[in-house]
PDB file of N, CA and C in Angstrom:
ATOM      1  N   UNK A   1      48.608-286.722  66.923  1.00  0.00           N
ATOM      2  CA  UNK A   1      47.516-285.810  66.689  1.00  0.00           C
ATOM      3  C   UNK A   1      48.064-284.481  66.152  1.00  0.00           C
ATOM      4  N   UNK A   2      47.502-284.026  65.058  1.00  0.00           N
ATOM      5  CA  UNK A   2      47.968-282.796  64.423  1.00  0.00           C
ATOM      6  C   UNK A   2      47.405-281.583  65.149  1.00  0.00           C
ATOM      7  N   UNK A   3      48.268-280.616  65.418  1.00  0.00           N
ATOM      8  CA  UNK A   3      47.847-279.367  66.053  1.00  0.00           C
ATOM      9  C   UNK A   3      47.308-278.445  64.977  1.00  0.00           C
ATOM     10  N   UNK A   4      46.192-277.788  65.248  1.00  0.00           N
ATOM     11  CA  UNK A   4      45.502-277.020  64.215  1.00  0.00           C
ATOM     12  C   UNK A   4      45.516-275.527  64.501  1.00  0.00           C
ATOM     13  N   UNK A   5      46.043-274.787  63.548  1.00  0.00           N
ATOM     14  CA  UNK A   5      45.939-273.332  63.478  1.00  0.00           C
ATOM     15  C   UNK A   5      45.742-273.002  62.019  1.00  0.00           C
ATOM     16  N   UNK A   6      44.919-272.030  61.744  1.00  0.00           N
ATOM     17  CA  UNK A   6      44.715-271.626  60.358  1.00  0.00           C
ATOM     18  C   UNK A   6      45.292-270.225  60.168  1.00  0.00           C
ATOM     19  N   UNK A   7      45.996-270.036  59.073  1.00  0.00           N
ATOM     20  CA  UNK A   7      46.555-268.735  58.720  1.00  0.00           C
ATOM     21  C   UNK A   7      45.879-268.260  57.439  1.00  0.00           C
ATOM     22  N   UNK A   8      45.359-267.035  57.442  1.00  0.00           N
ATOM     23  CA  UNK A   8      44.776-266.487  56.218  1.00  0.00           C
ATOM     24  C   UNK A   8      45.912-266.195  55.232  1.00  0.00           C
ATOM     25  N   UNK A   9      45.562-266.004  53.987  1.00  0.00           N
ATOM     26  CA  UNK A   9      46.573-265.661  52.981  1.00  0.00           C
ATOM     27  C   UNK A   9      47.266-264.355  53.328  1.00  0.00           C
ATOM     28  N   UNK A  10      46.515-263.380  53.853  1.00  0.00           N
ATOM     29  CA  UNK A  10      47.121-262.099  54.264  1.00  0.00           C
ATOM     30  C   UNK A  10      48.169-262.325  55.341  1.00  0.00           C
ATOM     31  N   UNK A  11      47.865-263.179  56.328  1.00  0.00           N
ATOM     32  CA  UNK A  11      48.810-263.456  57.404  1.00  0.00           C
ATOM     33  C   UNK A  11      50.040-264.193  56.865  1.00  0.00           C
ATOM     34  N   UNK A  12      49.819-265.192  56.024  1.00  0.00           N
ATOM     35  CA  UNK A  12      50.948-265.931  55.437  1.00  0.00           C
ATOM     36  C   UNK A  12      51.854-265.006  54.646  1.00  0.00           C
ATOM     37  N   UNK A  13      51.260-264.132  53.849  1.00  0.00           N
ATOM     38  CA  UNK A  13      52.056-263.209  53.035  1.00  0.00           C
ATOM     39  C   UNK A  13      52.861-262.254  53.899  1.00  0.00           C
ATOM     40  N   UNK A  14      52.262-261.727  54.971  1.00  0.00           N
ATOM     41  CA  UNK A  14      52.975-260.793  55.846  1.00  0.00           C
ATOM     42  C   UNK A  14      54.084-261.496  56.610  1.00  0.00           C
ATOM     43  N   UNK A  15      53.835-262.706  57.092  1.00  0.00           N
ATOM     44  CA  UNK A  15      54.873-263.464  57.805  1.00  0.00           C
ATOM     45  C   UNK A  15      56.031-263.757  56.862  1.00  0.00           C
ATOM     46  N   UNK A  16      55.726-264.152  55.648  1.00  0.00           N
ATOM     47  CA  UNK A  16      56.765-264.416  54.650  1.00  0.00           C
ATOM     48  C   UNK A  16      57.582-263.158  54.373  1.00  0.00           C
ATOM     49  N   UNK A  17      56.903-262.033  54.261  1.00  0.00           N
ATOM     50  CA  UNK A  17      57.562-260.757  53.977  1.00  0.00           C
ATOM     51  C   UNK A  17      58.519-260.359  55.103  1.00  0.00           C
ATOM     52  N   UNK A  18      58.097-260.515  56.352  1.00  0.00           N
ATOM     53  CA  UNK A  18      58.923-260.047  57.474  1.00  0.00           C
ATOM     54  C   UNK A  18      59.983-261.054  57.904  1.00  0.00           C
ATOM     55  N   UNK A  19      59.885-262.292  57.451  1.00  0.00           N
ATOM     56  CA  UNK A  19      60.900-263.284  57.853  1.00  0.00           C
ATOM     57  C   UNK A  19      61.927-263.539  56.754  1.00  0.00           C
ATOM     58  N   UNK A  20      61.958-262.698  55.732  1.00  0.00           N
ATOM     59  CA  UNK A  20      62.939-262.877  54.655  1.00  0.00           C
ATOM     60  C   UNK A  20      64.359-262.537  55.088  1.00  0.00           C
ATOM     61  N   UNK A  21      64.504-261.660  56.069  1.00  0.00           N
ATOM     62  CA  UNK A  21      65.848-261.276  56.506  1.00  0.00           C
ATOM     63  C   UNK A  21      66.382-262.295  57.512  1.00  0.00           C
ATOM     64  N   UNK A  22      67.691-262.395  57.604  1.00  0.00           N
ATOM     65  CA  UNK A  22      68.326-263.317  58.550  1.00  0.00           C
ATOM     66  C   UNK A  22      68.032-262.939  59.995  1.00  0.00           C
ATOM     67  N   UNK A  23      67.801-261.656  60.249  1.00  0.00           N
ATOM     68  CA  UNK A  23      67.541-261.195  61.612  1.00  0.00           C
ATOM     69  C   UNK A  23      66.150-261.604  62.098  1.00  0.00           C
ATOM     70  N   UNK A  24      65.262-261.936  61.174  1.00  0.00           N
ATOM     71  CA  UNK A  24      63.885-262.283  61.531  1.00  0.00           C
ATOM     72  C   UNK A  24      63.504-263.583  60.830  1.00  0.00           C
ATOM     73  N   UNK A  25      64.106-264.676  61.236  1.00  0.00           N
ATOM     74  CA  UNK A  25      63.887-265.951  60.552  1.00  0.00           C
ATOM     75  C   UNK A  25      62.508-266.552  60.838  1.00  0.00           C
ATOM     76  N   UNK A  26      62.032-266.416  62.085  1.00  0.00           N
ATOM     77  CA  UNK A  26      60.742-266.989  62.466  1.00  0.00           C
ATOM     78  C   UNK A  26      59.863-265.935  63.126  1.00  0.00           C
ATOM     79  N   UNK A  27      58.574-266.044  62.894  1.00  0.00           N
ATOM     80  CA  UNK A  27      57.574-265.204  63.543  1.00  0.00           C
ATOM     81  C   UNK A  27      57.021-266.019  64.698  1.00  0.00           C
ATOM     82  N   UNK A  28      57.238-265.557  65.921  1.00  0.00           N
ATOM     83  CA  UNK A  28      56.832-266.309  67.109  1.00  0.00           C
ATOM     84  C   UNK A  28      55.515-265.773  67.667  1.00  0.00           C
ATOM     85  N   UNK A  29      54.581-266.693  67.894  1.00  0.00           N
ATOM     86  CA  UNK A  29      53.301-266.380  68.512  1.00  0.00           C
ATOM     87  C   UNK A  29      53.305-267.043  69.885  1.00  0.00           C
ATOM     88  N   UNK A  30      52.955-266.280  70.917  1.00  0.00           N
ATOM     89  CA  UNK A  30      52.905-266.842  72.267  1.00  0.00           C
ATOM     90  C   UNK A  30      51.720-266.255  73.016  1.00  0.00           C
ATOM     91  N   UNK A  31      51.291-266.973  74.021  1.00  0.00           N
ATOM     92  CA  UNK A  31      50.259-266.495  74.928  1.00  0.00           C
ATOM     93  C   UNK A  31      50.926-266.301  76.278  1.00  0.00           C
ATOM     94  N   UNK A  32      50.776-265.111  76.837  1.00  0.00           N
ATOM     95  CA  UNK A  32      51.376-264.766  78.123  1.00  0.00           C
ATOM     96  C   UNK A  32      50.274-264.397  79.106  1.00  0.00           C
ATOM     97  N   UNK A  33      50.549-264.551  80.386  1.00  0.00           N
ATOM     98  CA  UNK A  33      49.624-264.082  81.408  1.00  0.00           C
ATOM     99  C   UNK A  33      49.679-262.574  81.473  1.00  0.00           C
ATOM    100  N   UNK A  34      48.535-261.936  81.723  1.00  0.00           N
ATOM    101  CA  UNK A  34      48.496-260.478  81.826  1.00  0.00           C
ATOM    102  C   UNK A  34      47.427-259.886  80.944  1.00  0.00           C
ATOM    103  N   UNK A  35      47.501-258.608  80.777  1.00  0.00           N
ATOM    104  CA  UNK A  35      46.485-257.915  79.995  1.00  0.00           C
ATOM    105  C   UNK A  35      45.241-257.708  80.834  1.00  0.00           C
ATOM    106  N   UNK A  36      44.296-256.971  80.325  1.00  0.00           N
ATOM    107  CA  UNK A  36      43.107-256.647  81.115  1.00  0.00           C
ATOM    108  C   UNK A  36      42.108-257.798  81.191  1.00  0.00           C
ATOM    109  N   UNK A  37      42.303-258.870  80.407  1.00  0.00           N
ATOM    110  CA  UNK A  37      41.358-259.990  80.451  1.00  0.00           C
ATOM    111  C   UNK A  37      41.989-261.297  80.932  1.00  0.00           C
ATOM    112  N   UNK A  38      43.255-261.298  81.342  1.00  0.00           N
ATOM    113  CA  UNK A  38      43.873-262.494  81.895  1.00  0.00           C
ATOM    114  C   UNK A  38      45.025-263.049  81.076  1.00  0.00           C
ATOM    115  N   UNK A  39      44.873-263.128  79.762  1.00  0.00           N
ATOM    116  CA  UNK A  39      45.930-263.571  78.855  1.00  0.00           C
ATOM    117  C   UNK A  39      46.124-262.516  77.782  1.00  0.00           C
ATOM    118  N   UNK A  40      47.313-262.511  77.194  1.00  0.00           N
ATOM    119  CA  UNK A  40      47.527-261.619  76.055  1.00  0.00           C
ATOM    120  C   UNK A  40      48.367-262.327  75.001  1.00  0.00           C
ATOM    121  N   UNK A  41      48.127-261.962  73.746  1.00  0.00           N
ATOM    122  CA  UNK A  41      48.902-262.500  72.635  1.00  0.00           C
ATOM    123  C   UNK A  41      50.208-261.734  72.549  1.00  0.00           C
ATOM    124  N   UNK A  42      51.283-262.445  72.243  1.00  0.00           N
ATOM    125  CA  UNK A  42      52.594-261.835  72.124  1.00  0.00           C
ATOM    126  C   UNK A  42      53.196-262.240  70.780  1.00  0.00           C
ATOM    127  N   UNK A  43      53.548-261.272  69.968  1.00  0.00           N
ATOM    128  CA  UNK A  43      54.146-261.514  68.656  1.00  0.00           C
ATOM    129  C   UNK A  43      55.574-260.990  68.672  1.00  0.00           C
ATOM    130  N   UNK A  44      56.543-261.868  68.390  1.00  0.00           N
ATOM    131  CA  UNK A  44      57.947-261.486  68.349  1.00  0.00           C
ATOM    132  C   UNK A  44      58.628-262.211  67.196  1.00  0.00           C
ATOM    133  N   UNK A  45      59.930-262.022  67.096  1.00  0.00           N
ATOM    134  CA  UNK A  45      60.733-262.705  66.086  1.00  0.00           C
ATOM    135  C   UNK A  45      61.777-263.557  66.777  1.00  0.00           C
ATOM    136  N   UNK A  46      62.193-264.629  66.119  1.00  0.00           N
ATOM    137  CA  UNK A  46      63.185-265.531  66.689  1.00  0.00           C
ATOM    138  C   UNK A  46      64.027-266.109  65.569  1.00  0.00           C
ATOM    139  N   UNK A  47      65.232-266.513  65.907  1.00  0.00           N
ATOM    140  CA  UNK A  47      66.107-267.142  64.922  1.00  0.00           C
ATOM    141  C   UNK A  47      66.216-268.642  65.109  1.00  0.00           C
ATOM    142  N   UNK A  48      65.528-269.170  66.120  1.00  0.00           N
ATOM    143  CA  UNK A  48      65.619-270.616  66.347  1.00  0.00           C
ATOM    144  C   UNK A  48      64.280-271.188  66.796  1.00  0.00           C
ATOM    145  N   UNK A  49      64.152-272.488  66.619  1.00  0.00           N
ATOM    146  CA  UNK A  49      62.975-273.226  67.051  1.00  0.00           C
ATOM    147  C   UNK A  49      63.390-274.029  68.281  1.00  0.00           C
ATOM    148  N   UNK A  50      62.658-273.866  69.370  1.00  0.00           N
ATOM    149  CA  UNK A  50      62.959-274.585  70.614  1.00  0.00           C
ATOM    150  C   UNK A  50      62.339-275.974  70.567  1.00  0.00           C
ATOM    151  N   UNK A  51      62.763-276.859  71.494  1.00  0.00           N
ATOM    152  CA  UNK A  51      62.301-278.252  71.467  1.00  0.00           C
ATOM    153  C   UNK A  51      60.804-278.397  71.709  1.00  0.00           C
ATOM    154  N   UNK A  52      60.172-277.445  72.425  1.00  0.00           N
ATOM    155  CA  UNK A  52      58.730-277.546  72.671  1.00  0.00           C
ATOM    156  C   UNK A  52      57.907-276.689  71.700  1.00  0.00           C
ATOM    157  N   UNK A  53      58.516-276.257  70.598  1.00  0.00           N
ATOM    158  CA  UNK A  53      57.823-275.448  69.603  1.00  0.00           C
ATOM    159  C   UNK A  53      57.204-276.307  68.509  1.00  0.00           C
ATOM    160  N   UNK A  54      56.111-275.807  67.971  1.00  0.00           N
ATOM    161  CA  UNK A  54      55.477-276.387  66.794  1.00  0.00           C
ATOM    162  C   UNK A  54      55.689-275.381  65.662  1.00  0.00           C
ATOM    163  N   UNK A  55      56.128-275.867  64.530  1.00  0.00           N
ATOM    164  CA  UNK A  55      56.435-275.006  63.391  1.00  0.00           C
ATOM    165  C   UNK A  55      55.291-275.019  62.384  1.00  0.00           C
ATOM    166  N   UNK A  56      54.849-273.849  61.990  1.00  0.00           N
ATOM    167  CA  UNK A  56      53.846-273.649  60.932  1.00  0.00           C
ATOM    168  C   UNK A  56      54.519-272.781  59.877  1.00  0.00           C
ATOM    169  N   UNK A  57      55.184-273.395  58.908  1.00  0.00           N
ATOM    170  CA  UNK A  57      55.984-272.668  57.925  1.00  0.00           C
ATOM    171  C   UNK A  57      56.998-271.795  58.649  1.00  0.00           C
ATOM    172  N   UNK A  58      56.882-270.466  58.561  1.00  0.00           N
ATOM    173  CA  UNK A  58      57.835-269.569  59.229  1.00  0.00           C
ATOM    174  C   UNK A  58      57.315-269.061  60.566  1.00  0.00           C
ATOM    175  N   UNK A  59      56.173-269.552  61.009  1.00  0.00           N
ATOM    176  CA  UNK A  59      55.616-269.166  62.305  1.00  0.00           C
ATOM    177  C   UNK A  59      55.864-270.297  63.302  1.00  0.00           C
ATOM    178  N   UNK A  60      56.234-269.940  64.525  1.00  0.00           N
ATOM    179  CA  UNK A  60      56.439-270.928  65.583  1.00  0.00           C
ATOM    180  C   UNK A  60      55.601-270.553  66.795  1.00  0.00           C
ATOM    181  N   UNK A  61      55.171-271.590  67.514  1.00  0.00           N
ATOM    182  CA  UNK A  61      54.412-271.387  68.735  1.00  0.00           C
ATOM    183  C   UNK A  61      54.736-272.526  69.691  1.00  0.00           C
ATOM    184  N   UNK A  62      54.910-272.195  70.967  1.00  0.00           N
ATOM    185  CA  UNK A  62      55.208-273.238  71.949  1.00  0.00           C
ATOM    186  C   UNK A  62      53.941-274.048  72.230  1.00  0.00           C
ATOM    187  N   UNK A  63      54.134-275.276  72.708  1.00  0.00           N
ATOM    188  CA  UNK A  63      53.007-276.202  72.909  1.00  0.00           C
ATOM    189  C   UNK A  63      51.968-275.683  73.896  1.00  0.00           C
ATOM    190  N   UNK A  64      52.401-275.018  74.957  1.00  0.00           N
ATOM    191  CA  UNK A  64      51.447-274.508  75.946  1.00  0.00           C
ATOM    192  C   UNK A  64      50.582-273.414  75.336  1.00  0.00           C
ATOM    193  N   UNK A  65      51.207-272.481  74.618  1.00  0.00           N
ATOM    194  CA  UNK A  65      50.436-271.419  73.956  1.00  0.00           C
ATOM    195  C   UNK A  65      49.494-272.009  72.922  1.00  0.00           C
ATOM    196  N   UNK A  66      49.978-273.001  72.179  1.00  0.00           N
ATOM    197  CA  UNK A  66      49.146-273.622  71.154  1.00  0.00           C
ATOM    198  C   UNK A  66      47.919-274.277  71.763  1.00  0.00           C
ATOM    199  N   UNK A  67      48.074-274.887  72.942  1.00  0.00           N
ATOM    200  CA  UNK A  67      46.911-275.528  73.566  1.00  0.00           C
ATOM    201  C   UNK A  67      45.823-274.510  73.898  1.00  0.00           C
ATOM    202  N   UNK A  68      46.200-273.255  74.127  1.00  0.00           N
ATOM    203  CA  UNK A  68      45.236-272.207  74.460  1.00  0.00           C
ATOM    204  C   UNK A  68      44.576-271.641  73.202  1.00  0.00           C
ATOM    205  N   UNK A  69      45.315-271.578  72.095  1.00  0.00           N
ATOM    206  CA  UNK A  69      44.749-270.959  70.887  1.00  0.00           C
ATOM    207  C   UNK A  69      44.491-271.950  69.757  1.00  0.00           C
ATOM    208  N   UNK A  70      44.636-273.247  70.021  1.00  0.00           N
ATOM    209  CA  UNK A  70      44.370-274.249  68.987  1.00  0.00           C
ATOM    210  C   UNK A  70      42.949-274.064  68.438  1.00  0.00           C
ATOM    211  N   UNK A  71      42.819-274.159  67.130  1.00  0.00           N
ATOM    212  CA  UNK A  71      41.538-273.949  66.472  1.00  0.00           C
ATOM    213  C   UNK A  71      41.320-272.511  66.026  1.00  0.00           C
ATOM    214  N   UNK A  72      42.286-271.640  66.324  1.00  0.00           N
ATOM    215  CA  UNK A  72      42.172-270.226  65.976  1.00  0.00           C
ATOM    216  C   UNK A  72      42.570-269.956  64.532  1.00  0.00           C
ATOM    217  N   UNK A  73      42.160-268.792  64.056  1.00  0.00           N
ATOM    218  CA  UNK A  73      42.571-268.294  62.754  1.00  0.00           C
ATOM    219  C   UNK A  73      43.440-267.060  62.976  1.00  0.00           C
ATOM    220  N   UNK A  74      44.623-267.049  62.350  1.00  0.00           N
ATOM    221  CA  UNK A  74      45.539-265.917  62.431  1.00  0.00           C
ATOM    222  C   UNK A  74      45.343-265.089  61.168  1.00  0.00           C
ATOM    223  N   UNK A  75      45.095-263.800  61.342  1.00  0.00           N
ATOM    224  CA  UNK A  75      44.879-262.911  60.203  1.00  0.00           C
ATOM    225  C   UNK A  75      45.776-261.689  60.359  1.00  0.00           C
ATOM    226  N   UNK A  76      45.932-260.947  59.274  1.00  0.00           N
ATOM    227  CA  UNK A  76      46.683-259.696  59.288  1.00  0.00           C
ATOM    228  C   UNK A  76      45.789-258.627  58.692  1.00  0.00           C
ATOM    229  N   UNK A  77      45.615-257.546  59.439  1.00  0.00           N
ATOM    230  CA  UNK A  77      44.720-256.472  58.992  1.00  0.00           C
ATOM    231  C   UNK A  77      45.489-255.175  58.829  1.00  0.00           C
ATOM    232  N   UNK A  78      45.159-254.473  57.757  1.00  0.00           N
ATOM    233  CA  UNK A  78      45.672-253.118  57.534  1.00  0.00           C
ATOM    234  C   UNK A  78      44.481-252.182  57.642  1.00  0.00           C
ATOM    235  N   UNK A  79      44.569-251.251  58.592  1.00  0.00           N
ATOM    236  CA  UNK A  79      43.500-250.291  58.797  1.00  0.00           C
ATOM    237  C   UNK A  79      44.103-248.899  58.858  1.00  0.00           C
ATOM    238  N   UNK A  80      43.270-247.895  58.879  1.00  0.00           N
ATOM    239  CA  UNK A  80      43.770-246.525  58.933  1.00  0.00           C
ATOM    240  C   UNK A  80      44.607-246.272  60.179  1.00  0.00           C
ATOM    241  N   UNK A  81      44.292-246.957  61.271  1.00  0.00           N
ATOM    242  CA  UNK A  81      45.022-246.733  62.525  1.00  0.00           C
ATOM    243  C   UNK A  81      46.291-247.567  62.621  1.00  0.00           C
ATOM    244  N   UNK A  82      46.527-248.450  61.657  1.00  0.00           N
ATOM    245  CA  UNK A  82      47.754-249.238  61.666  1.00  0.00           C
ATOM    246  C   UNK A  82      47.544-250.647  61.143  1.00  0.00           C
ATOM    247  N   UNK A  83      48.597-251.427  61.247  1.00  0.00           N
ATOM    248  CA  UNK A  83      48.596-252.819  60.794  1.00  0.00           C
ATOM    249  C   UNK A  83      48.798-253.713  62.002  1.00  0.00           C
ATOM    250  N   UNK A  84      48.157-254.892  61.993  1.00  0.00           N
ATOM    251  CA  UNK A  84      48.346-255.800  63.123  1.00  0.00           C
ATOM    252  C   UNK A  84      47.910-257.214  62.772  1.00  0.00           C
ATOM    253  N   UNK A  85      48.484-258.154  63.494  1.00  0.00           N
ATOM    254  CA  UNK A  85      48.028-259.536  63.421  1.00  0.00           C
ATOM    255  C   UNK A  85      46.862-259.683  64.377  1.00  0.00           C
ATOM    256  N   UNK A  86      45.857-260.427  63.953  1.00  0.00           N
ATOM    257  CA  UNK A  86      44.646-260.647  64.738  1.00  0.00           C
ATOM    258  C   UNK A  86      44.461-262.151  64.902  1.00  0.00           C
ATOM    259  N   UNK A  87      44.126-262.581  66.103  1.00  0.00           N
ATOM    260  CA  UNK A  87      43.833-263.993  66.352  1.00  0.00           C
ATOM    261  C   UNK A  87      42.358-264.122  66.687  1.00  0.00           C
ATOM    262  N   UNK A  88      41.645-264.884  65.864  1.00  0.00           N
ATOM    263  CA  UNK A  88      40.239-265.183  66.121  1.00  0.00           C
ATOM    264  C   UNK A  88      40.227-266.513  66.868  1.00  0.00           C
ATOM    265  N   UNK A  89      40.116-266.435  68.192  1.00  0.00           N
ATOM    266  CA  UNK A  89      40.235-267.599  69.064  1.00  0.00           C
ATOM    267  C   UNK A  89      38.851-268.047  69.531  1.00  0.00           C
ATOM    268  N   UNK A  90      38.373-269.197  69.040  1.00  0.00           N
ATOM    269  CA  UNK A  90      37.044-269.662  69.453  1.00  0.00           C
ATOM    270  C   UNK A  90      36.975-270.060  70.925  1.00  0.00           C
ATOM    271  N   UNK A  91      38.115-270.263  71.582  1.00  0.00           N
ATOM    272  CA  UNK A  91      38.131-270.623  72.999  1.00  0.00           C
ATOM    273  C   UNK A  91      38.018-269.405  73.911  1.00  0.00           C
ATOM    274  N   UNK A  92      38.205-268.197  73.356  1.00  0.00           N
ATOM    275  CA  UNK A  92      38.164-266.979  74.171  1.00  0.00           C
ATOM    276  C   UNK A  92      36.726-266.690  74.591  1.00  0.00           C
ATOM    277  N   UNK A  93      36.502-266.587  75.893  1.00  0.00           N
ATOM    278  CA  UNK A  93      35.159-266.300  76.394  1.00  0.00           C
ATOM    279  C   UNK A  93      34.926-264.800  76.506  1.00  0.00           C
ATOM    280  N   UNK A  94      36.010-264.031  76.558  1.00  0.00           N
ATOM    281  CA  UNK A  94      35.912-262.565  76.619  1.00  0.00           C
ATOM    282  C   UNK A  94      37.209-261.993  76.095  1.00  0.00           C
ATOM    283  N   UNK A  95      37.150-260.773  75.583  1.00  0.00           N
ATOM    284  CA  UNK A  95      38.361-260.080  75.161  1.00  0.00           C
ATOM    285  C   UNK A  95      38.184-258.599  75.392  1.00  0.00           C
ATOM    286  N   UNK A  96      39.294-257.891  75.435  1.00  0.00           N
ATOM    287  CA  UNK A  96      39.220-256.449  75.651  1.00  0.00           C
ATOM    288  C   UNK A  96      39.095-255.743  74.310  1.00  0.00           C
ATOM    289  N   UNK A  97      38.921-254.455  74.343  1.00  0.00           N
ATOM    290  CA  UNK A  97      38.726-253.680  73.128  1.00  0.00           C
ATOM    291  C   UNK A  97      39.898-253.696  72.173  1.00  0.00           C
ATOM    292  N   UNK A  98      41.122-253.846  72.688  1.00  0.00           N
ATOM    293  CA  UNK A  98      42.292-253.822  71.805  1.00  0.00           C
ATOM    294  C   UNK A  98      42.451-255.133  71.029  1.00  0.00           C
ATOM    295  N   UNK A  99      41.807-256.205  71.489  1.00  0.00           N
ATOM    296  CA  UNK A  99      41.885-257.479  70.779  1.00  0.00           C
ATOM    297  C   UNK A  99      43.126-258.297  71.098  1.00  0.00           C
ATOM    298  N   UNK A 100      44.009-257.776  71.949  1.00  0.00           N
ATOM    299  CA  UNK A 100      45.230-258.515  72.296  1.00  0.00           C
ATOM    300  C   UNK A 100      45.105-259.243  73.629  1.00  0.00           C
ATOM    301  N   UNK A 101      44.103-258.927  74.393  1.00  0.00           N
ATOM    302  CA  UNK A 101      43.916-259.531  75.712  1.00  0.00           C
ATOM    303  C   UNK A 101      42.612-260.316  75.712  1.00  0.00           C
ATOM    304  N   UNK A 102      42.630-261.498  76.370  1.00  0.00           N
ATOM    305  CA  UNK A 102      41.443-262.359  76.350  1.00  0.00           C
ATOM    306  C   UNK A 102      41.415-263.264  77.562  1.00  0.00           C
ATOM    307  N   UNK A 103      40.277-263.899  77.789  1.00  0.00           N
ATOM    308  CA  UNK A 103      40.153-264.928  78.824  1.00  0.00           C
ATOM    309  C   UNK A 103      39.518-266.156  78.213  1.00  0.00           C
ATOM    310  N   UNK A 104      39.792-267.315  78.832  1.00  0.00           N
ATOM    311  CA  UNK A 104      39.232-268.584  78.346  1.00  0.00           C
ATOM    312  C   UNK A 104      38.409-269.228  79.433  1.00  0.00           C
TER     313      UNK A 104
END
């Protein structure tokens, strides 16, 4: 069964841009416990793919995190207050104002 995540062109372009250096080979997306709504998105960089990771071009996500955000769309937004990756997660029943914390 294929795991589904959608990346917008803006997100793909930004991930490609930031993973060109050897120090930032992969863009890692993870879901961690915490935040004001129960879970929070975590974006980091990695140089390796672990055995429980799923690879989406230059983005990697572990299987447990993927099960929580499967069906989501990953986007990258540039606004006056800054730039950030945004996850539109249809499984999220609530989220906080910052958009990084959510509950399912």
